Amino acid sequence: MPSDPKIANFAPNAPKLTPYDKQHAVTYMRLLDAEADNADWQEVARIVLGIDPTLDPDRARRTFESHLARAKWAARHGFRHLLQHGWPKSEQ
């Protein structure tokens, strides 16, 4: 897994784990931890997603919300796919 994977504007919305999810598993965990700590979304966008919300507030908010929603989905449902099928093969 890349140590600092590129963040897309929107996280996947597939009904199963994707190679993007595999690359961003740490990002998802960081987002869930930040939410549990009631961290400010703007600070999380800056630190975790690498997007400055003062320069691009709309993108920062959309990207934050999309990735947090995917992190929650992965925590609730994605693990089942992981246990049944393992991580998806990387797309080359």
N, C-alpha and C. Protein backbone atom coordinates (compact mmCIF):
# COMPACT_ATOMS: atom_id res chain seq x y z
N MET A 1 0.84 -1.18 0.00
CA MET A 1 0.00 0.00 0.00
C MET A 1 0.88 1.24 0.00
N PRO A 2 0.53 2.24 -0.79
CA PRO A 2 1.28 3.49 -0.75
C PRO A 2 1.13 4.13 0.63
N SER A 3 2.21 4.76 1.09
CA SER A 3 2.14 5.38 2.41
C SER A 3 1.33 6.68 2.39
N ASP A 4 1.21 7.30 1.23
CA ASP A 4 0.46 8.54 1.10
C ASP A 4 -0.31 8.52 -0.22
N PRO A 5 -1.37 7.69 -0.30
CA PRO A 5 -2.08 7.55 -1.58
C PRO A 5 -2.83 8.83 -1.96
N LYS A 6 -2.95 9.05 -3.26
CA LYS A 6 -3.68 10.20 -3.78
C LYS A 6 -5.15 10.08 -3.40
N ILE A 7 -5.71 11.18 -2.95
CA ILE A 7 -7.12 11.23 -2.54
C ILE A 7 -7.97 11.70 -3.71
N ALA A 8 -8.95 10.90 -4.09
CA ALA A 8 -9.89 11.28 -5.14
C ALA A 8 -10.92 12.24 -4.57
N ASN A 9 -11.59 12.97 -5.43
CA ASN A 9 -12.63 13.89 -4.96
C ASN A 9 -13.79 13.15 -4.31
N PHE A 10 -14.05 11.93 -4.77
CA PHE A 10 -15.11 11.11 -4.20
C PHE A 10 -14.58 9.71 -3.94
N ALA A 11 -14.95 9.16 -2.79
CA ALA A 11 -14.61 7.77 -2.49
C ALA A 11 -15.53 6.86 -3.30
N PRO A 12 -15.14 5.60 -3.49
CA PRO A 12 -16.02 4.68 -4.23
C PRO A 12 -17.38 4.54 -3.56
N ASN A 13 -18.33 4.14 -4.37
CA ASN A 13 -19.67 3.88 -3.86
C ASN A 13 -20.11 2.49 -4.28
N ALA A 14 -19.15 1.61 -4.48
CA ALA A 14 -19.42 0.23 -4.92
C ALA A 14 -19.94 -0.60 -3.75
N PRO A 15 -20.71 -1.66 -4.05
CA PRO A 15 -21.24 -2.51 -2.99
C PRO A 15 -20.22 -3.53 -2.47
N LYS A 16 -18.97 -3.40 -2.90
CA LYS A 16 -17.90 -4.28 -2.42
C LYS A 16 -16.62 -3.46 -2.31
N LEU A 17 -15.65 -3.99 -1.62
CA LEU A 17 -14.38 -3.30 -1.48
C LEU A 17 -13.69 -3.19 -2.84
N THR A 18 -12.98 -2.11 -3.01
CA THR A 18 -12.29 -1.84 -4.27
C THR A 18 -10.79 -1.69 -4.01
N PRO A 19 -9.97 -1.70 -5.07
CA PRO A 19 -8.55 -1.42 -4.87
C PRO A 19 -8.32 -0.05 -4.20
N TYR A 20 -9.16 0.93 -4.52
CA TYR A 20 -9.05 2.25 -3.88
C TYR A 20 -9.25 2.11 -2.37
N ASP A 21 -10.22 1.32 -1.96
CA ASP A 21 -10.45 1.09 -0.54
C ASP A 21 -9.22 0.49 0.12
N LYS A 22 -8.60 -0.46 -0.54
CA LYS A 22 -7.39 -1.09 0.01
C LYS A 22 -6.31 -0.04 0.20
N GLN A 23 -6.11 0.80 -0.80
CA GLN A 23 -5.08 1.84 -0.71
C GLN A 23 -5.37 2.84 0.39
N HIS A 24 -6.64 3.04 0.70
CA HIS A 24 -7.04 4.08 1.65
C HIS A 24 -7.54 3.54 2.98
N ALA A 25 -7.25 2.29 3.29
CA ALA A 25 -7.70 1.71 4.56
C ALA A 25 -7.22 2.54 5.75
N VAL A 26 -5.99 2.98 5.71
CA VAL A 26 -5.45 3.80 6.81
C VAL A 26 -6.17 5.14 6.86
N THR A 27 -6.42 5.72 5.70
CA THR A 27 -7.17 6.99 5.64
C THR A 27 -8.53 6.82 6.29
N TYR A 28 -9.22 5.73 5.96
CA TYR A 28 -10.54 5.48 6.54
C TYR A 28 -10.45 5.35 8.06
N MET A 29 -9.45 4.64 8.54
CA MET A 29 -9.30 4.50 10.00
C MET A 29 -9.04 5.85 10.65
N ARG A 30 -8.23 6.66 10.02
CA ARG A 30 -7.94 7.99 10.57
C ARG A 30 -9.21 8.85 10.61
N LEU A 31 -10.02 8.75 9.57
CA LEU A 31 -11.28 9.50 9.55
C LEU A 31 -12.22 9.05 10.66
N LEU A 32 -12.33 7.75 10.86
CA LEU A 32 -13.19 7.23 11.93
C LEU A 32 -12.67 7.63 13.30
N ASP A 33 -11.37 7.60 13.49
CA ASP A 33 -10.78 8.04 14.75
C ASP A 33 -11.06 9.52 14.99
N ALA A 34 -10.91 10.32 13.96
CA ALA A 34 -11.16 11.75 14.09
C ALA A 34 -12.61 12.03 14.44
N GLU A 35 -13.52 11.29 13.81
CA GLU A 35 -14.94 11.47 14.14
C GLU A 35 -15.21 11.08 15.59
N ALA A 36 -14.62 9.99 16.04
CA ALA A 36 -14.81 9.55 17.42
C ALA A 36 -14.28 10.59 18.41
N ASP A 37 -13.27 11.33 17.99
CA ASP A 37 -12.69 12.38 18.84
C ASP A 37 -13.38 13.73 18.66
N ASN A 38 -14.44 13.75 17.85
CA ASN A 38 -15.17 15.00 17.56
C ASN A 38 -14.25 16.08 16.98
N ALA A 39 -13.33 15.66 16.13
CA ALA A 39 -12.41 16.62 15.50
C ALA A 39 -13.17 17.47 14.49
N ASP A 40 -12.73 18.69 14.31
CA ASP A 40 -13.31 19.60 13.33
C ASP A 40 -13.05 19.07 11.92
N TRP A 41 -14.08 19.03 11.10
CA TRP A 41 -13.95 18.46 9.76
C TRP A 41 -12.89 19.18 8.93
N GLN A 42 -12.75 20.49 9.13
CA GLN A 42 -11.77 21.25 8.36
C GLN A 42 -10.34 20.84 8.73
N GLU A 43 -10.11 20.61 10.00
CA GLU A 43 -8.80 20.14 10.43
C GLU A 43 -8.52 18.74 9.86
N VAL A 44 -9.54 17.90 9.87
CA VAL A 44 -9.39 16.54 9.34
C VAL A 44 -9.12 16.59 7.83
N ALA A 45 -9.85 17.43 7.13
CA ALA A 45 -9.63 17.56 5.68
C ALA A 45 -8.19 17.98 5.40
N ARG A 46 -7.69 18.90 6.18
CA ARG A 46 -6.33 19.40 5.99
C ARG A 46 -5.29 18.33 6.32
N ILE A 47 -5.45 17.69 7.46
CA ILE A 47 -4.42 16.75 7.94
C ILE A 47 -4.53 15.39 7.27
N VAL A 48 -5.72 14.83 7.23
CA VAL A 48 -5.90 13.46 6.74
C VAL A 48 -6.00 13.40 5.22
N LEU A 49 -6.77 14.33 4.64
CA LEU A 49 -7.01 14.29 3.21
C LEU A 49 -6.06 15.17 2.40
N GLY A 50 -5.36 16.06 3.08
CA GLY A 50 -4.41 16.92 2.39
C GLY A 50 -5.06 18.00 1.55
N ILE A 51 -6.26 18.42 1.94
CA ILE A 51 -6.98 19.47 1.21
C ILE A 51 -7.16 20.66 2.14
N ASP A 52 -6.78 21.82 1.68
CA ASP A 52 -6.92 23.04 2.49
C ASP A 52 -8.33 23.60 2.33
N PRO A 53 -9.15 23.51 3.37
CA PRO A 53 -10.53 23.98 3.25
C PRO A 53 -10.66 25.49 3.09
N THR A 54 -9.63 26.24 3.40
CA THR A 54 -9.71 27.69 3.18
C THR A 54 -9.50 28.03 1.71
N LEU A 55 -8.76 27.18 0.98
CA LEU A 55 -8.51 27.42 -0.44
C LEU A 55 -9.58 26.81 -1.33
N ASP A 56 -10.13 25.69 -0.92
CA ASP A 56 -11.13 24.98 -1.73
C ASP A 56 -12.18 24.36 -0.81
N PRO A 57 -13.03 25.20 -0.20
CA PRO A 57 -13.96 24.69 0.82
C PRO A 57 -14.98 23.69 0.29
N ASP A 58 -15.49 23.88 -0.91
CA ASP A 58 -16.49 22.95 -1.44
C ASP A 58 -15.88 21.58 -1.68
N ARG A 59 -14.72 21.54 -2.33
CA ARG A 59 -14.05 20.26 -2.57
C ARG A 59 -13.67 19.59 -1.26
N ALA A 60 -13.16 20.37 -0.33
CA ALA A 60 -12.75 19.81 0.96
C ALA A 60 -13.94 19.15 1.66
N ARG A 61 -15.07 19.83 1.68
CA ARG A 61 -16.25 19.29 2.36
C ARG A 61 -16.78 18.04 1.66
N ARG A 62 -16.91 18.10 0.33
CA ARG A 62 -17.41 16.95 -0.43
C ARG A 62 -16.49 15.74 -0.27
N THR A 63 -15.19 15.98 -0.36
CA THR A 63 -14.24 14.88 -0.26
C THR A 63 -14.25 14.29 1.15
N PHE A 64 -14.31 15.15 2.15
CA PHE A 64 -14.38 14.69 3.53
C PHE A 64 -15.63 13.84 3.75
N GLU A 65 -16.79 14.35 3.35
CA GLU A 65 -18.05 13.63 3.57
C GLU A 65 -18.08 12.30 2.81
N SER A 66 -17.60 12.31 1.58
CA SER A 66 -17.58 11.09 0.77
C SER A 66 -16.70 10.02 1.40
N HIS A 67 -15.52 10.41 1.83
CA HIS A 67 -14.58 9.44 2.40
C HIS A 67 -15.02 8.98 3.79
N LEU A 68 -15.62 9.86 4.57
CA LEU A 68 -16.12 9.44 5.88
C LEU A 68 -17.27 8.45 5.70
N ALA A 69 -18.16 8.71 4.76
CA ALA A 69 -19.26 7.78 4.51
C ALA A 69 -18.71 6.42 4.07
N ARG A 70 -17.70 6.43 3.22
CA ARG A 70 -17.12 5.16 2.77
C ARG A 70 -16.42 4.45 3.92
N ALA A 71 -15.76 5.20 4.78
CA ALA A 71 -15.10 4.60 5.95
C ALA A 71 -16.12 3.92 6.84
N LYS A 72 -17.27 4.56 7.04
CA LYS A 72 -18.33 3.97 7.85
C LYS A 72 -18.88 2.72 7.19
N TRP A 73 -19.08 2.77 5.87
CA TRP A 73 -19.57 1.59 5.15
C TRP A 73 -18.57 0.45 5.30
N ALA A 74 -17.29 0.75 5.10
CA ALA A 74 -16.25 -0.28 5.19
C ALA A 74 -16.22 -0.89 6.59
N ALA A 75 -16.39 -0.07 7.60
CA ALA A 75 -16.36 -0.57 8.98
C ALA A 75 -17.57 -1.46 9.26
N ARG A 76 -18.72 -1.10 8.70
CA ARG A 76 -19.95 -1.86 8.98
C ARG A 76 -20.14 -3.06 8.06
N HIS A 77 -19.78 -2.92 6.79
CA HIS A 77 -20.11 -3.94 5.80
C HIS A 77 -18.91 -4.49 5.05
N GLY A 78 -17.94 -3.65 4.79
CA GLY A 78 -16.81 -4.05 3.97
C GLY A 78 -16.00 -5.19 4.54
N PHE A 79 -15.95 -5.27 5.87
CA PHE A 79 -15.17 -6.34 6.48
C PHE A 79 -15.71 -7.72 6.09
N ARG A 80 -17.00 -7.82 5.84
CA ARG A 80 -17.58 -9.11 5.41
C ARG A 80 -17.01 -9.53 4.07
N HIS A 81 -16.91 -8.57 3.15
CA HIS A 81 -16.32 -8.85 1.85
C HIS A 81 -14.86 -9.23 2.00
N LEU A 82 -14.19 -8.56 2.90
CA LEU A 82 -12.78 -8.84 3.14
C LEU A 82 -12.59 -10.25 3.66
N LEU A 83 -13.42 -10.67 4.60
CA LEU A 83 -13.31 -12.01 5.16
C LEU A 83 -13.67 -13.09 4.13
N GLN A 84 -14.63 -12.81 3.28
CA GLN A 84 -15.07 -13.79 2.30
C GLN A 84 -14.14 -13.88 1.10
N HIS A 85 -13.62 -12.73 0.65
CA HIS A 85 -12.90 -12.70 -0.62
C HIS A 85 -11.48 -12.16 -0.53
N GLY A 86 -11.09 -11.62 0.60
CA GLY A 86 -9.78 -10.98 0.71
C GLY A 86 -9.80 -9.62 0.02
N TRP A 87 -8.67 -8.96 0.04
CA TRP A 87 -8.57 -7.65 -0.62
C TRP A 87 -8.67 -7.84 -2.11
N PRO A 88 -9.30 -6.89 -2.80
CA PRO A 88 -9.37 -6.99 -4.26
C PRO A 88 -7.98 -6.83 -4.86
N LYS A 89 -7.78 -7.45 -6.01
CA LYS A 89 -6.52 -7.32 -6.71
C LYS A 89 -6.33 -5.88 -7.15
N SER A 90 -5.11 -5.40 -7.09
CA SER A 90 -4.83 -4.04 -7.54
C SER A 90 -5.04 -3.94 -9.04
N GLU A 91 -5.61 -2.84 -9.44
CA GLU A 91 -5.78 -2.59 -10.87
C GLU A 91 -4.51 -1.95 -11.39
N GLN A 92 -3.92 -2.54 -12.36
CA GLN A 92 -2.65 -2.03 -12.92
C GLN A 92 -2.92 -1.26 -14.18
